[in-house]
PDB file of N, CA and C in Angstrom:
ATOM      1  N   MET A   1      48.113  75.363  -7.572  1.00  0.00           N
ATOM      2  CA  MET A   1      47.211  74.137  -7.911  1.00  0.00           C
ATOM      3  C   MET A   1      47.604  73.058  -8.729  1.00  0.00           C
ATOM      4  N   CYS A   2      47.630  71.921  -8.621  1.00  0.00           N
ATOM      5  CA  CYS A   2      48.138  70.732  -9.342  1.00  0.00           C
ATOM      6  C   CYS A   2      47.235  70.232 -10.328  1.00  0.00           C
ATOM      7  N   ASN A   3      47.737  70.112 -11.535  1.00  0.00           N
ATOM      8  CA  ASN A   3      47.181  69.805 -12.947  1.00  0.00           C
ATOM      9  C   ASN A   3      47.370  68.297 -13.018  1.00  0.00           C
ATOM     10  N   CYS A   4      47.403  67.639 -12.111  1.00  0.00           N
ATOM     11  CA  CYS A   4      47.684  66.248 -12.421  1.00  0.00           C
ATOM     12  C   CYS A   4      46.470  65.415 -12.847  1.00  0.00           C
ATOM     13  N   GLY A   5      45.313  66.108 -12.657  1.00  0.00           N
ATOM     14  CA  GLY A   5      44.400  65.295 -13.588  1.00  0.00           C
ATOM     15  C   GLY A   5      44.210  65.294 -14.992  1.00  0.00           C
ATOM     16  N   ASN A   6      44.563  66.575 -15.425  1.00  0.00           N
ATOM     17  CA  ASN A   6      44.964  67.027 -16.783  1.00  0.00           C
ATOM     18  C   ASN A   6      45.743  65.930 -17.641  1.00  0.00           C
ATOM     19  N   LYS A   7      47.032  65.981 -16.810  1.00  0.00           N
ATOM     20  CA  LYS A   7      48.071  64.992 -17.224  1.00  0.00           C
ATOM     21  C   LYS A   7      47.815  63.376 -17.509  1.00  0.00           C
ATOM     22  N   ARG A   8      46.783  62.927 -16.244  1.00  0.00           N
ATOM     23  CA  ARG A   8      46.394  61.745 -16.457  1.00  0.00           C
ATOM     24  C   ARG A   8      45.594  61.570 -17.373  1.00  0.00           C
ATOM     25  N   ALA A   9      44.693  62.449 -18.011  1.00  0.00           N
ATOM     26  CA  ALA A   9      43.699  62.076 -18.772  1.00  0.00           C
ATOM     27  C   ALA A   9      44.358  62.159 -20.029  1.00  0.00           C
ATOM     28  N   HIS A  10      45.488  63.077 -20.508  1.00  0.00           N
ATOM     29  CA  HIS A  10      45.909  62.943 -21.622  1.00  0.00           C
ATOM     30  C   HIS A  10      46.854  61.976 -21.984  1.00  0.00           C
ATOM     31  N   LEU A  11      47.472  61.199 -20.770  1.00  0.00           N
ATOM     32  CA  LEU A  11      48.011  59.912 -21.148  1.00  0.00           C
ATOM     33  C   LEU A  11      47.432  58.825 -21.240  1.00  0.00           C
ATOM     34  N   THR A  12      46.148  58.966 -20.498  1.00  0.00           N
ATOM     35  CA  THR A  12      45.155  58.205 -20.718  1.00  0.00           C
ATOM     36  C   THR A  12      44.517  57.824 -22.037  1.00  0.00           C
ATOM     37  N   GLN A  13      44.469  59.000 -22.842  1.00  0.00           N
ATOM     38  CA  GLN A  13      43.849  59.419 -23.919  1.00  0.00           C
ATOM     39  C   GLN A  13      44.950  58.639 -24.887  1.00  0.00           C
ATOM     40  N   GLN A  14      45.938  59.163 -24.560  1.00  0.00           N
ATOM     41  CA  GLN A  14      47.438  58.769 -25.549  1.00  0.00           C
ATOM     42  C   GLN A  14      47.548  57.103 -25.736  1.00  0.00           C
ATOM     43  N   HIS A  15      47.097  56.483 -24.562  1.00  0.00           N
ATOM     44  CA  HIS A  15      47.589  55.095 -24.553  1.00  0.00           C
ATOM     45  C   HIS A  15      46.005  54.199 -25.320  1.00  0.00           C
ATOM     46  N   SER A  16      45.247  54.938 -25.501  1.00  0.00           N
ATOM     47  CA  SER A  16      43.791  54.355 -25.915  1.00  0.00           C
ATOM     48  C   SER A  16      44.000  54.390 -27.434  1.00  0.00           C
ATOM     49  N   THR A  17      44.649  55.589 -27.917  1.00  0.00           N
ATOM     50  CA  THR A  17      44.495  55.678 -29.249  1.00  0.00           C
ATOM     51  C   THR A  17      45.612  54.973 -29.999  1.00  0.00           C
ATOM     52  N   THR A  18      46.572  54.613 -29.228  1.00  0.00           N
ATOM     53  CA  THR A  18      47.810  53.546 -29.535  1.00  0.00           C
ATOM     54  C   THR A  18      47.657  52.177 -29.433  1.00  0.00           C
ATOM     55  N   SER A  19      46.581  51.949 -28.941  1.00  0.00           N
ATOM     56  CA  SER A  19      46.203  50.394 -28.410  1.00  0.00           C
ATOM     57  C   SER A  19      45.119  49.623 -29.952  1.00  0.00           C
ATOM     58  N   GLY A  20      45.217  50.122 -30.839  1.00  0.00           N
ATOM     59  CA  GLY A  20      44.487  49.621 -31.459  1.00  0.00           C
ATOM     60  C   GLY A  20      44.453  48.357 -32.131  1.00  0.00           C
ATOM     61  N   ILE A  21      43.722  47.830 -33.146  1.00  0.00           N
ATOM     62  CA  ILE A  21      43.955  46.361 -33.573  1.00  0.00           C
ATOM     63  C   ILE A  21      45.012  46.157 -34.639  1.00  0.00           C
ATOM     64  N   ILE A  22      45.822  45.282 -34.737  1.00  0.00           N
ATOM     65  CA  ILE A  22      46.694  45.205 -35.601  1.00  0.00           C
ATOM     66  C   ILE A  22      46.574  43.909 -36.406  1.00  0.00           C
ATOM     67  N   SER A  23      47.317  43.576 -37.362  1.00  0.00           N
ATOM     68  CA  SER A  23      46.968  42.539 -38.272  1.00  0.00           C
ATOM     69  C   SER A  23      47.507  41.211 -37.879  1.00  0.00           C
ATOM     70  N   SER A  24      47.538  40.431 -38.267  1.00  0.00           N
ATOM     71  CA  SER A  24      48.087  38.952 -37.487  1.00  0.00           C
ATOM     72  C   SER A  24      49.705  39.105 -38.207  1.00  0.00           C
ATOM     73  N   ALA A  25      49.744  39.400 -39.390  1.00  0.00           N
ATOM     74  CA  ALA A  25      51.395  39.970 -39.683  1.00  0.00           C
ATOM     75  C   ALA A  25      51.951  40.640 -39.105  1.00  0.00           C
ATOM     76  N   GLU A  26      51.168  41.851 -38.650  1.00  0.00           N
ATOM     77  CA  GLU A  26      52.151  42.683 -38.011  1.00  0.00           C
ATOM     78  C   GLU A  26      52.318  42.429 -36.176  1.00  0.00           C
ATOM     79  N   GLU A  27      51.279  41.335 -36.066  1.00  0.00           N
ATOM     80  CA  GLU A  27      51.006  41.036 -34.607  1.00  0.00           C
ATOM     81  C   GLU A  27      52.301  39.925 -34.486  1.00  0.00           C
ATOM     82  N   ASN A  28      52.657  39.057 -35.375  1.00  0.00           N
ATOM     83  CA  ASN A  28      53.685  37.910 -35.125  1.00  0.00           C
ATOM     84  C   ASN A  28      54.984  38.868 -35.455  1.00  0.00           C
ATOM     85  N   THR A  29      55.384  40.062 -35.980  1.00  0.00           N
ATOM     86  CA  THR A  29      56.589  40.647 -36.246  1.00  0.00           C
ATOM     87  C   THR A  29      56.593  41.516 -34.632  1.00  0.00           C
ATOM     88  N   SER A  30      55.480  42.065 -34.044  1.00  0.00           N
ATOM     89  CA  SER A  30      55.403  42.663 -33.062  1.00  0.00           C
ATOM     90  C   SER A  30      55.841  41.615 -31.912  1.00  0.00           C
ATOM     91  N   ASN A  31      55.271  40.240 -32.024  1.00  0.00           N
ATOM     92  CA  ASN A  31      55.459  39.395 -30.743  1.00  0.00           C
ATOM     93  C   ASN A  31      57.004  39.009 -30.852  1.00  0.00           C
ATOM     94  N   ASN A  32      57.617  39.080 -32.170  1.00  0.00           N
ATOM     95  CA  ASN A  32      59.106  38.416 -32.242  1.00  0.00           C
ATOM     96  C   ASN A  32      60.084  39.791 -31.277  1.00  0.00           C
ATOM     97  N   ARG A  33      59.250  40.899 -31.019  1.00  0.00           N
ATOM     98  CA  ARG A  33      60.318  41.797 -30.646  1.00  0.00           C
ATOM     99  C   ARG A  33      59.901  42.235 -29.015  1.00  0.00           C
ATOM    100  N   ARG A  34      58.585  41.618 -28.748  1.00  0.00           N
ATOM    101  CA  ARG A  34      57.981  41.970 -27.704  1.00  0.00           C
ATOM    102  C   ARG A  34      58.020  40.679 -26.706  1.00  0.00           C
ATOM    103  N   ASN A  35      58.278  39.590 -27.165  1.00  0.00           N
ATOM    104  CA  ASN A  35      57.873  38.345 -26.423  1.00  0.00           C
ATOM    105  C   ASN A  35      59.083  37.583 -26.141  1.00  0.00           C
ATOM    106  N   VAL A  36      59.161  37.014 -25.040  1.00  0.00           N
ATOM    107  CA  VAL A  36      60.374  35.791 -24.924  1.00  0.00           C
ATOM    108  C   VAL A  36      59.429  34.714 -24.470  1.00  0.00           C
ATOM    109  N   ARG A  37      60.133  33.323 -25.044  1.00  0.00           N
ATOM    110  CA  ARG A  37      59.298  32.324 -24.702  1.00  0.00           C
ATOM    111  C   ARG A  37      59.814  31.641 -23.554  1.00  0.00           C
ATOM    112  N   PHE A  38      59.330  31.115 -22.319  1.00  0.00           N
ATOM    113  CA  PHE A  38      59.529  30.518 -21.294  1.00  0.00           C
ATOM    114  C   PHE A  38      58.890  28.931 -21.475  1.00  0.00           C
ATOM    115  N   GLU A  39      59.759  28.143 -20.915  1.00  0.00           N
ATOM    116  CA  GLU A  39      59.331  26.762 -20.861  1.00  0.00           C
ATOM    117  C   GLU A  39      59.251  26.541 -19.417  1.00  0.00           C
ATOM    118  N   TYR A  40      58.051  25.555 -19.326  1.00  0.00           N
ATOM    119  CA  TYR A  40      57.541  25.216 -17.807  1.00  0.00           C
ATOM    120  C   TYR A  40      58.420  23.813 -17.652  1.00  0.00           C
ATOM    121  N   ILE A  41      58.938  23.785 -16.450  1.00  0.00           N
ATOM    122  CA  ILE A  41      59.649  22.618 -16.154  1.00  0.00           C
ATOM    123  C   ILE A  41      59.224  21.821 -14.941  1.00  0.00           C
ATOM    124  N   GLY A  42      58.094  22.143 -14.569  1.00  0.00           N
ATOM    125  CA  GLY A  42      57.662  21.693 -13.291  1.00  0.00           C
ATOM    126  C   GLY A  42      56.932  20.337 -13.514  1.00  0.00           C
ATOM    127  N   LYS A  43      55.960  19.668 -12.790  1.00  0.00           N
ATOM    128  CA  LYS A  43      55.355  18.451 -12.810  1.00  0.00           C
ATOM    129  C   LYS A  43      54.239  18.170 -13.155  1.00  0.00           C
ATOM    130  N   THR A  44      52.971  19.293 -12.736  1.00  0.00           N
ATOM    131  CA  THR A  44      52.025  19.474 -13.343  1.00  0.00           C
ATOM    132  C   THR A  44      51.456  20.190 -14.122  1.00  0.00           C
ATOM    133  N   ALA A  45      50.752  21.548 -13.615  1.00  0.00           N
ATOM    134  CA  ALA A  45      50.521  22.137 -14.692  1.00  0.00           C
ATOM    135  C   ALA A  45      50.550  23.727 -13.883  1.00  0.00           C
ATOM    136  N   LEU A  46      50.523  24.954 -14.259  1.00  0.00           N
ATOM    137  CA  LEU A  46      50.869  26.162 -13.918  1.00  0.00           C
ATOM    138  C   LEU A  46      50.111  27.302 -14.773  1.00  0.00           C
ATOM    139  N   THR A  47      49.570  28.346 -13.756  1.00  0.00           N
ATOM    140  CA  THR A  47      48.876  29.615 -14.547  1.00  0.00           C
ATOM    141  C   THR A  47      49.792  30.863 -13.505  1.00  0.00           C
ATOM    142  N   VAL A  48      50.196  31.648 -14.606  1.00  0.00           N
ATOM    143  CA  VAL A  48      50.868  32.571 -13.595  1.00  0.00           C
ATOM    144  C   VAL A  48      50.262  33.810 -14.312  1.00  0.00           C
ATOM    145  N   THR A  49      50.437  34.781 -13.373  1.00  0.00           N
ATOM    146  CA  THR A  49      49.520  36.096 -13.851  1.00  0.00           C
ATOM    147  C   THR A  49      50.895  37.250 -14.248  1.00  0.00           C
ATOM    148  N   GLY A  50      51.255  37.869 -15.119  1.00  0.00           N
ATOM    149  CA  GLY A  50      52.139  38.634 -15.231  1.00  0.00           C
ATOM    150  C   GLY A  50      52.315  40.031 -14.314  1.00  0.00           C
ATOM    151  N   SER A  51      53.015  40.291 -13.543  1.00  0.00           N
ATOM    152  CA  SER A  51      53.034  41.571 -12.735  1.00  0.00           C
ATOM    153  C   SER A  51      52.569  42.957 -13.276  1.00  0.00           C
ATOM    154  N   ILE A  52      52.957  42.951 -14.528  1.00  0.00           N
ATOM    155  CA  ILE A  52      53.165  44.338 -15.313  1.00  0.00           C
ATOM    156  C   ILE A  52      52.058  44.317 -16.214  1.00  0.00           C
ATOM    157  N   THR A  53      51.873  43.247 -16.668  1.00  0.00           N
ATOM    158  CA  THR A  53      50.544  43.414 -17.853  1.00  0.00           C
ATOM    159  C   THR A  53      49.284  43.047 -17.549  1.00  0.00           C
ATOM    160  N   GLY A  54      49.194  42.099 -16.332  1.00  0.00           N
ATOM    161  CA  GLY A  54      48.307  41.263 -16.100  1.00  0.00           C
ATOM    162  C   GLY A  54      47.853  40.321 -16.533  1.00  0.00           C
ATOM    163  N   ARG A  55      48.515  39.906 -17.746  1.00  0.00           N
ATOM    164  CA  ARG A  55      48.192  38.858 -18.563  1.00  0.00           C
ATOM    165  C   ARG A  55      48.323  37.520 -17.748  1.00  0.00           C
ATOM    166  N   ARG A  56      47.203  36.418 -18.143  1.00  0.00           N
ATOM    167  CA  ARG A  56      47.677  35.012 -17.700  1.00  0.00           C
ATOM    168  C   ARG A  56      48.539  34.190 -18.532  1.00  0.00           C
ATOM    169  N   TYR A  57      49.176  33.690 -17.882  1.00  0.00           N
ATOM    170  CA  TYR A  57      50.228  32.681 -18.964  1.00  0.00           C
ATOM    171  C   TYR A  57      49.447  31.410 -18.305  1.00  0.00           C
ATOM    172  N   ARG A  58      49.471  30.224 -19.036  1.00  0.00           N
ATOM    173  CA  ARG A  58      48.939  28.807 -18.718  1.00  0.00           C
ATOM    174  C   ARG A  58      49.865  27.971 -19.503  1.00  0.00           C
ATOM    175  N   PHE A  59      50.557  27.124 -18.529  1.00  0.00           N
ATOM    176  CA  PHE A  59      51.236  26.189 -18.895  1.00  0.00           C
ATOM    177  C   PHE A  59      50.782  24.913 -18.591  1.00  0.00           C
ATOM    178  N   SER A  60      50.020  23.970 -19.654  1.00  0.00           N
ATOM    179  CA  SER A  60      49.409  23.009 -18.839  1.00  0.00           C
ATOM    180  C   SER A  60      49.856  21.721 -18.904  1.00  0.00           C
ATOM    181  N   SER A  61      51.310  21.408 -19.373  1.00  0.00           N
ATOM    182  CA  SER A  61      52.138  20.467 -18.937  1.00  0.00           C
ATOM    183  C   SER A  61      53.398  20.689 -19.304  1.00  0.00           C
ATOM    184  N   PRO A  62      54.347  19.616 -18.359  1.00  0.00           N
ATOM    185  CA  PRO A  62      55.333  19.889 -18.556  1.00  0.00           C
ATOM    186  C   PRO A  62      56.399  20.014 -19.881  1.00  0.00           C
ATOM    187  N   GLY A  63      57.429  21.112 -20.042  1.00  0.00           N
ATOM    188  CA  GLY A  63      57.914  21.087 -21.145  1.00  0.00           C
ATOM    189  C   GLY A  63      57.250  21.889 -21.975  1.00  0.00           C
ATOM    190  N   GLU A  64      55.880  22.693 -22.149  1.00  0.00           N
ATOM    191  CA  GLU A  64      55.382  23.642 -22.878  1.00  0.00           C
ATOM    192  C   GLU A  64      55.894  24.946 -22.761  1.00  0.00           C
ATOM    193  N   ILE A  65      55.940  25.245 -23.977  1.00  0.00           N
ATOM    194  CA  ILE A  65      57.001  26.706 -23.982  1.00  0.00           C
ATOM    195  C   ILE A  65      55.562  27.531 -24.407  1.00  0.00           C
ATOM    196  N   VAL A  66      55.440  29.026 -23.858  1.00  0.00           N
ATOM    197  CA  VAL A  66      54.517  29.909 -23.938  1.00  0.00           C
ATOM    198  C   VAL A  66      55.263  31.339 -24.018  1.00  0.00           C
ATOM    199  N   GLN A  67      54.560  32.002 -24.955  1.00  0.00           N
ATOM    200  CA  GLN A  67      55.489  33.458 -25.116  1.00  0.00           C
ATOM    201  C   GLN A  67      54.753  34.200 -24.015  1.00  0.00           C
ATOM    202  N   VAL A  68      55.905  35.255 -23.645  1.00  0.00           N
ATOM    203  CA  VAL A  68      55.595  35.705 -22.260  1.00  0.00           C
ATOM    204  C   VAL A  68      56.226  37.309 -22.983  1.00  0.00           C
ATOM    205  N   ASP A  69      55.397  38.288 -22.577  1.00  0.00           N
ATOM    206  CA  ASP A  69      55.357  39.747 -22.805  1.00  0.00           C
ATOM    207  C   ASP A  69      56.728  40.251 -21.914  1.00  0.00           C
ATOM    208  N   LEU A  70      57.628  40.819 -22.965  1.00  0.00           N
ATOM    209  CA  LEU A  70      58.968  41.523 -22.405  1.00  0.00           C
ATOM    210  C   LEU A  70      58.576  42.022 -21.031  1.00  0.00           C
ATOM    211  N   SER A  71      57.607  42.753 -20.740  1.00  0.00           N
ATOM    212  CA  SER A  71      57.332  43.312 -19.461  1.00  0.00           C
ATOM    213  C   SER A  71      57.099  42.478 -18.267  1.00  0.00           C
ATOM    214  N   ASP A  72      56.861  41.166 -18.371  1.00  0.00           N
ATOM    215  CA  ASP A  72      56.646  40.346 -17.496  1.00  0.00           C
ATOM    216  C   ASP A  72      57.666  39.416 -17.136  1.00  0.00           C
ATOM    217  N   VAL A  73      58.768  39.379 -18.156  1.00  0.00           N
ATOM    218  CA  VAL A  73      59.895  38.729 -17.770  1.00  0.00           C
ATOM    219  C   VAL A  73      60.459  38.514 -16.702  1.00  0.00           C
ATOM    220  N   SER A  74      60.904  39.684 -15.745  1.00  0.00           N
ATOM    221  CA  SER A  74      61.554  39.750 -14.894  1.00  0.00           C
ATOM    222  C   SER A  74      60.744  38.775 -13.866  1.00  0.00           C
ATOM    223  N   GLY A  75      59.704  39.026 -13.815  1.00  0.00           N
ATOM    224  CA  GLY A  75      58.912  38.500 -12.521  1.00  0.00           C
ATOM    225  C   GLY A  75      58.884  36.904 -12.775  1.00  0.00           C
ATOM    226  N   LEU A  76      58.805  36.565 -13.964  1.00  0.00           N
ATOM    227  CA  LEU A  76      58.412  35.035 -14.286  1.00  0.00           C
ATOM    228  C   LEU A  76      59.934  34.400 -14.024  1.00  0.00           C
ATOM    229  N   MET A  77      60.854  35.170 -14.537  1.00  0.00           N
ATOM    230  CA  MET A  77      62.323  34.626 -13.882  1.00  0.00           C
ATOM    231  C   MET A  77      62.366  33.927 -12.733  1.00  0.00           C
ATOM    232  N   LEU A  78      61.724  34.789 -11.582  1.00  0.00           N
ATOM    233  CA  LEU A  78      61.822  34.416  -9.976  1.00  0.00           C
ATOM    234  C   LEU A  78      61.226  33.017  -9.936  1.00  0.00           C
ATOM    235  N   ILE A  79      60.440  32.391 -10.773  1.00  0.00           N
ATOM    236  CA  ILE A  79      59.413  31.424 -10.682  1.00  0.00           C
ATOM    237  C   ILE A  79      60.903  29.897 -11.140  1.00  0.00           C
ATOM    238  N   PRO A  80      60.654  29.080  -9.804  1.00  0.00           N
ATOM    239  CA  PRO A  80      61.886  28.289 -10.255  1.00  0.00           C
ATOM    240  C   PRO A  80      61.705  26.958 -11.134  1.00  0.00           C
ATOM    241  N   VAL A  81      59.960  27.068 -11.416  1.00  0.00           N
ATOM    242  CA  VAL A  81      59.538  25.936 -12.236  1.00  0.00           C
ATOM    243  C   VAL A  81      59.457  26.330 -13.828  1.00  0.00           C
ATOM    244  N   LEU A  82      60.285  27.733 -14.066  1.00  0.00           N
ATOM    245  CA  LEU A  82      60.333  28.163 -15.241  1.00  0.00           C
ATOM    246  C   LEU A  82      61.443  28.645 -15.591  1.00  0.00           C
ATOM    247  N   ARG A  83      61.804  28.626 -17.494  1.00  0.00           N
ATOM    248  CA  ARG A  83      63.060  29.170 -17.620  1.00  0.00           C
ATOM    249  C   ARG A  83      62.700  29.488 -19.199  1.00  0.00           C
ATOM    250  N   LYS A  84      63.846  30.214 -19.385  1.00  0.00           N
ATOM    251  CA  LYS A  84      63.600  30.737 -20.754  1.00  0.00           C
ATOM    252  C   LYS A  84      64.051  30.023 -21.460  1.00  0.00           C
ATOM    253  N   ALA A  85      63.026  30.020 -22.757  1.00  0.00           N
ATOM    254  CA  ALA A  85      63.373  28.465 -23.516  1.00  0.00           C
ATOM    255  C   ALA A  85      64.378  28.597 -24.668  1.00  0.00           C
ATOM    256  N   LEU A  86      65.105  27.947 -25.054  1.00  0.00           N
ATOM    257  CA  LEU A  86      66.219  27.796 -25.551  1.00  0.00           C
ATOM    258  C   LEU A  86      65.690  27.903 -27.474  1.00  0.00           C
ATOM    259  N   ASP A  87      66.162  29.011 -27.832  1.00  0.00           N
ATOM    260  CA  ASP A  87      66.083  28.712 -29.432  1.00  0.00           C
ATOM    261  C   ASP A  87      66.223  27.679 -30.295  1.00  0.00           C
ATOM    262  N   ALA A  88      65.433  27.222 -31.031  1.00  0.00           N
ATOM    263  CA  ALA A  88      65.732  25.970 -31.731  1.00  0.00           C
ATOM    264  C   ALA A  88      66.397  26.303 -33.023  1.00  0.00           C
TER     265      ALA A  88
END
């Protein structure tokens, strides 16, 4: 008999215990490692939903730069009006 249900419950429990609240200092450090900056080069506004995280990324105007989770980068690279932002 398959024990898939117990594995799923264990993984879910592990995920919920590691997704606690982090301080803003930790968040900034974490963001630098987990995020990639994208620049919008379109003409109006754009909202994109990350294919992995499900997060919504809003680009309100041309030239706007938004932090994108590393997990969603490959999907956003396929959108012609988005490009990785150059580091200043």
